[in-house]
Amino acid sequence: MLGLSESYVRELRNTKKLRSPGRNKKLILTSSISAYQKGRQKREENEGASRQEHHHQRRHSNGYAEATLHPDEYAKLTV
């Protein structure tokens, strides 16, 4: 469901990032899987936005910023 290796899922379970029911520690609650997926998606979205922001604006040592555009974005502006 998560697309992760079995050993990594065990590690997540051992570090309490994925929860198990009280009776059987080998099982993982589907609610904790859903919560982990949502948290991972939010982190990926935030990381993607910050990477994109860093990519579009770089600061030079002389204090000036250089804005860059993806070729597709540039094409939209020039049309």
N, C-alpha and C. Protein backbone atom coordinates (compact mmCIF):
# COMPACT_ATOMS: atom_id res chain seq x y z
N MET A 1 0.81 -1.20 0.00
CA MET A 1 0.00 0.00 0.00
C MET A 1 0.85 1.27 0.00
N LEU A 2 1.97 1.22 0.71
CA LEU A 2 2.82 2.40 0.81
C LEU A 2 3.93 2.43 -0.22
N GLY A 3 4.20 1.30 -0.84
CA GLY A 3 5.30 1.24 -1.80
C GLY A 3 6.66 1.27 -1.11
N LEU A 4 6.73 0.76 0.11
CA LEU A 4 7.97 0.75 0.89
C LEU A 4 8.41 -0.69 1.12
N SER A 5 9.68 -0.86 1.42
CA SER A 5 10.18 -2.20 1.70
C SER A 5 9.65 -2.70 3.04
N GLU A 6 9.62 -4.01 3.18
CA GLU A 6 9.13 -4.61 4.42
C GLU A 6 9.98 -4.17 5.62
N SER A 7 11.28 -4.10 5.43
CA SER A 7 12.15 -3.71 6.54
C SER A 7 11.90 -2.26 6.96
N TYR A 8 11.63 -1.38 5.99
CA TYR A 8 11.35 0.01 6.33
C TYR A 8 10.00 0.14 7.05
N VAL A 9 9.03 -0.65 6.63
CA VAL A 9 7.72 -0.64 7.30
C VAL A 9 7.90 -1.12 8.74
N ARG A 10 8.72 -2.13 8.95
CA ARG A 10 9.00 -2.59 10.32
C ARG A 10 9.65 -1.48 11.14
N GLU A 11 10.59 -0.77 10.52
CA GLU A 11 11.24 0.33 11.22
C GLU A 11 10.22 1.42 11.59
N LEU A 12 9.33 1.74 10.67
CA LEU A 12 8.29 2.73 10.96
C LEU A 12 7.38 2.25 12.09
N ARG A 13 7.08 0.95 12.09
CA ARG A 13 6.25 0.40 13.16
C ARG A 13 6.99 0.46 14.50
N ASN A 14 8.28 0.14 14.49
CA ASN A 14 9.07 0.16 15.73
C ASN A 14 9.27 1.56 16.28
N THR A 15 9.32 2.56 15.39
CA THR A 15 9.48 3.95 15.84
C THR A 15 8.14 4.64 16.07
N LYS A 16 7.07 3.85 16.02
CA LYS A 16 5.70 4.33 16.30
C LYS A 16 5.15 5.29 15.26
N LYS A 17 5.75 5.32 14.07
CA LYS A 17 5.19 6.14 13.00
C LYS A 17 4.03 5.42 12.33
N LEU A 18 4.04 4.09 12.42
CA LEU A 18 2.89 3.26 12.04
C LEU A 18 2.48 2.51 13.31
N ARG A 19 1.19 2.49 13.58
CA ARG A 19 0.71 1.89 14.82
C ARG A 19 0.18 0.49 14.60
N SER A 20 0.31 -0.32 15.64
CA SER A 20 -0.21 -1.68 15.65
C SER A 20 -1.32 -1.76 16.68
N PRO A 21 -2.26 -2.71 16.48
CA PRO A 21 -3.27 -2.90 17.52
C PRO A 21 -2.61 -3.51 18.75
N GLY A 22 -3.23 -3.36 19.89
CA GLY A 22 -2.65 -3.83 21.15
C GLY A 22 -2.38 -5.32 21.20
N ARG A 23 -3.24 -6.14 20.59
CA ARG A 23 -3.11 -7.59 20.71
C ARG A 23 -2.05 -8.20 19.81
N ASN A 24 -1.86 -7.65 18.62
CA ASN A 24 -0.94 -8.27 17.67
C ASN A 24 -0.01 -7.21 17.10
N LYS A 25 1.23 -7.23 17.56
CA LYS A 25 2.21 -6.22 17.15
C LYS A 25 2.68 -6.41 15.71
N LYS A 26 2.35 -7.52 15.08
CA LYS A 26 2.77 -7.74 13.69
C LYS A 26 1.82 -7.10 12.69
N LEU A 27 0.64 -6.71 13.14
CA LEU A 27 -0.33 -6.05 12.27
C LEU A 27 -0.14 -4.54 12.34
N ILE A 28 -0.62 -3.86 11.32
CA ILE A 28 -0.56 -2.40 11.27
C ILE A 28 -1.97 -1.88 11.02
N LEU A 29 -2.36 -0.88 11.77
CA LEU A 29 -3.70 -0.30 11.61
C LEU A 29 -3.79 0.47 10.30
N THR A 30 -4.88 0.24 9.57
CA THR A 30 -5.05 0.96 8.30
C THR A 30 -5.19 2.46 8.53
N SER A 31 -5.73 2.86 9.67
CA SER A 31 -5.84 4.29 9.97
C SER A 31 -4.46 4.93 10.09
N SER A 32 -3.49 4.19 10.63
CA SER A 32 -2.15 4.77 10.74
C SER A 32 -1.47 4.82 9.38
N ILE A 33 -1.80 3.87 8.49
CA ILE A 33 -1.26 3.90 7.13
C ILE A 33 -1.79 5.12 6.40
N SER A 34 -3.09 5.37 6.53
CA SER A 34 -3.70 6.54 5.88
C SER A 34 -3.08 7.83 6.42
N ALA A 35 -2.91 7.91 7.72
CA ALA A 35 -2.32 9.11 8.33
C ALA A 35 -0.89 9.30 7.85
N TYR A 36 -0.13 8.21 7.76
CA TYR A 36 1.26 8.30 7.29
C TYR A 36 1.30 8.78 5.84
N GLN A 37 0.41 8.24 4.99
CA GLN A 37 0.36 8.66 3.59
C GLN A 37 0.04 10.14 3.47
N LYS A 38 -0.93 10.62 4.23
CA LYS A 38 -1.31 12.04 4.18
C LYS A 38 -0.14 12.92 4.62
N GLY A 39 0.53 12.53 5.68
CA GLY A 39 1.67 13.29 6.15
C GLY A 39 2.80 13.31 5.14
N ARG A 40 3.02 12.17 4.48
CA ARG A 40 4.08 12.08 3.47
C ARG A 40 3.74 12.95 2.26
N GLN A 41 2.48 12.98 1.85
CA GLN A 41 2.06 13.81 0.71
C GLN A 41 2.25 15.29 1.04
N LYS A 42 1.90 15.70 2.25
CA LYS A 42 2.08 17.11 2.65
C LYS A 42 3.55 17.48 2.64
N ARG A 43 4.41 16.59 3.15
CA ARG A 43 5.84 16.87 3.15
C ARG A 43 6.36 17.00 1.73
N GLU A 44 5.92 16.09 0.84
CA GLU A 44 6.37 16.14 -0.55
C GLU A 44 5.92 17.42 -1.24
N GLU A 45 4.67 17.85 -0.97
CA GLU A 45 4.17 19.08 -1.55
C GLU A 45 4.98 20.28 -1.06
N ASN A 46 5.26 20.31 0.24
CA ASN A 46 6.04 21.42 0.81
C ASN A 46 7.46 21.42 0.28
N GLU A 47 8.07 20.25 0.17
CA GLU A 47 9.43 20.16 -0.36
C GLU A 47 9.47 20.57 -1.83
N GLY A 48 8.46 20.16 -2.60
CA GLY A 48 8.39 20.52 -4.01
C GLY A 48 8.24 22.02 -4.20
N ALA A 49 7.41 22.64 -3.37
CA ALA A 49 7.20 24.09 -3.47
C ALA A 49 8.47 24.84 -3.10
N SER A 50 9.16 24.39 -2.07
CA SER A 50 10.38 25.10 -1.67
C SER A 50 11.49 24.88 -2.69
N ARG A 51 11.57 23.69 -3.29
CA ARG A 51 12.56 23.45 -4.34
C ARG A 51 12.28 24.31 -5.55
N GLN A 52 11.00 24.41 -5.92
CA GLN A 52 10.62 25.21 -7.08
C GLN A 52 10.93 26.69 -6.82
N GLU A 53 10.64 27.16 -5.61
CA GLU A 53 10.92 28.56 -5.27
C GLU A 53 12.41 28.82 -5.32
N HIS A 54 13.20 27.91 -4.80
CA HIS A 54 14.65 28.06 -4.83
C HIS A 54 15.17 28.04 -6.26
N HIS A 55 14.56 27.21 -7.10
CA HIS A 55 14.98 27.11 -8.50
C HIS A 55 14.68 28.40 -9.26
N HIS A 56 13.55 29.01 -8.99
CA HIS A 56 13.13 30.19 -9.74
C HIS A 56 13.86 31.46 -9.34
N GLN A 57 14.43 31.47 -8.17
CA GLN A 57 15.11 32.69 -7.75
C GLN A 57 16.40 32.31 -7.02
N ARG A 58 17.53 32.71 -7.62
CA ARG A 58 18.83 32.46 -7.02
C ARG A 58 19.49 33.79 -6.72
N ARG A 59 20.10 33.89 -5.59
CA ARG A 59 20.76 35.11 -5.19
C ARG A 59 22.25 35.01 -5.50
N HIS A 60 22.77 36.05 -6.12
CA HIS A 60 24.19 36.08 -6.46
C HIS A 60 24.97 36.74 -5.33
N SER A 61 26.27 36.56 -5.34
CA SER A 61 27.11 37.12 -4.28
C SER A 61 27.10 38.65 -4.29
N ASN A 62 26.72 39.26 -5.41
CA ASN A 62 26.69 40.73 -5.47
C ASN A 62 25.40 41.31 -4.92
N GLY A 63 24.51 40.46 -4.40
CA GLY A 63 23.28 40.94 -3.78
C GLY A 63 22.09 40.99 -4.71
N TYR A 64 22.30 40.79 -6.00
CA TYR A 64 21.19 40.81 -6.95
C TYR A 64 20.62 39.40 -7.09
N ALA A 65 19.32 39.35 -7.34
CA ALA A 65 18.66 38.07 -7.53
C ALA A 65 18.43 37.85 -9.01
N GLU A 66 18.52 36.62 -9.41
CA GLU A 66 18.28 36.26 -10.80
C GLU A 66 17.05 35.37 -10.85
N ALA A 67 16.05 35.77 -11.58
CA ALA A 67 14.85 34.95 -11.72
C ALA A 67 15.00 34.09 -12.97
N THR A 68 14.61 32.85 -12.85
CA THR A 68 14.66 31.94 -14.00
C THR A 68 13.26 31.42 -14.27
N LEU A 69 13.00 31.15 -15.51
CA LEU A 69 11.71 30.61 -15.91
C LEU A 69 11.92 29.30 -16.66
N HIS A 70 11.00 28.40 -16.44
CA HIS A 70 10.99 27.17 -17.21
C HIS A 70 10.62 27.54 -18.64
N PRO A 71 11.16 26.86 -19.66
CA PRO A 71 10.86 27.22 -21.06
C PRO A 71 9.36 27.28 -21.37
N ASP A 72 8.58 26.38 -20.76
CA ASP A 72 7.12 26.40 -20.99
C ASP A 72 6.49 27.68 -20.43
N GLU A 73 6.97 28.10 -19.24
CA GLU A 73 6.45 29.32 -18.64
C GLU A 73 6.82 30.53 -19.51
N TYR A 74 8.04 30.53 -20.01
CA TYR A 74 8.50 31.63 -20.87
C TYR A 74 7.65 31.70 -22.15
N ALA A 75 7.35 30.54 -22.71
CA ALA A 75 6.53 30.50 -23.93
C ALA A 75 5.15 31.10 -23.68
N LYS A 76 4.58 30.84 -22.53
CA LYS A 76 3.27 31.40 -22.19
C LYS A 76 3.33 32.93 -22.11
N LEU A 77 4.43 33.44 -21.58
CA LEU A 77 4.56 34.88 -21.42
C LEU A 77 4.78 35.59 -22.75
N THR A 78 5.44 34.94 -23.67
CA THR A 78 5.80 35.58 -24.94
C THR A 78 4.72 35.45 -26.00
N VAL A 79 3.69 34.67 -25.73
CA VAL A 79 2.64 34.47 -26.72
C VAL A 79 1.67 35.61 -26.72
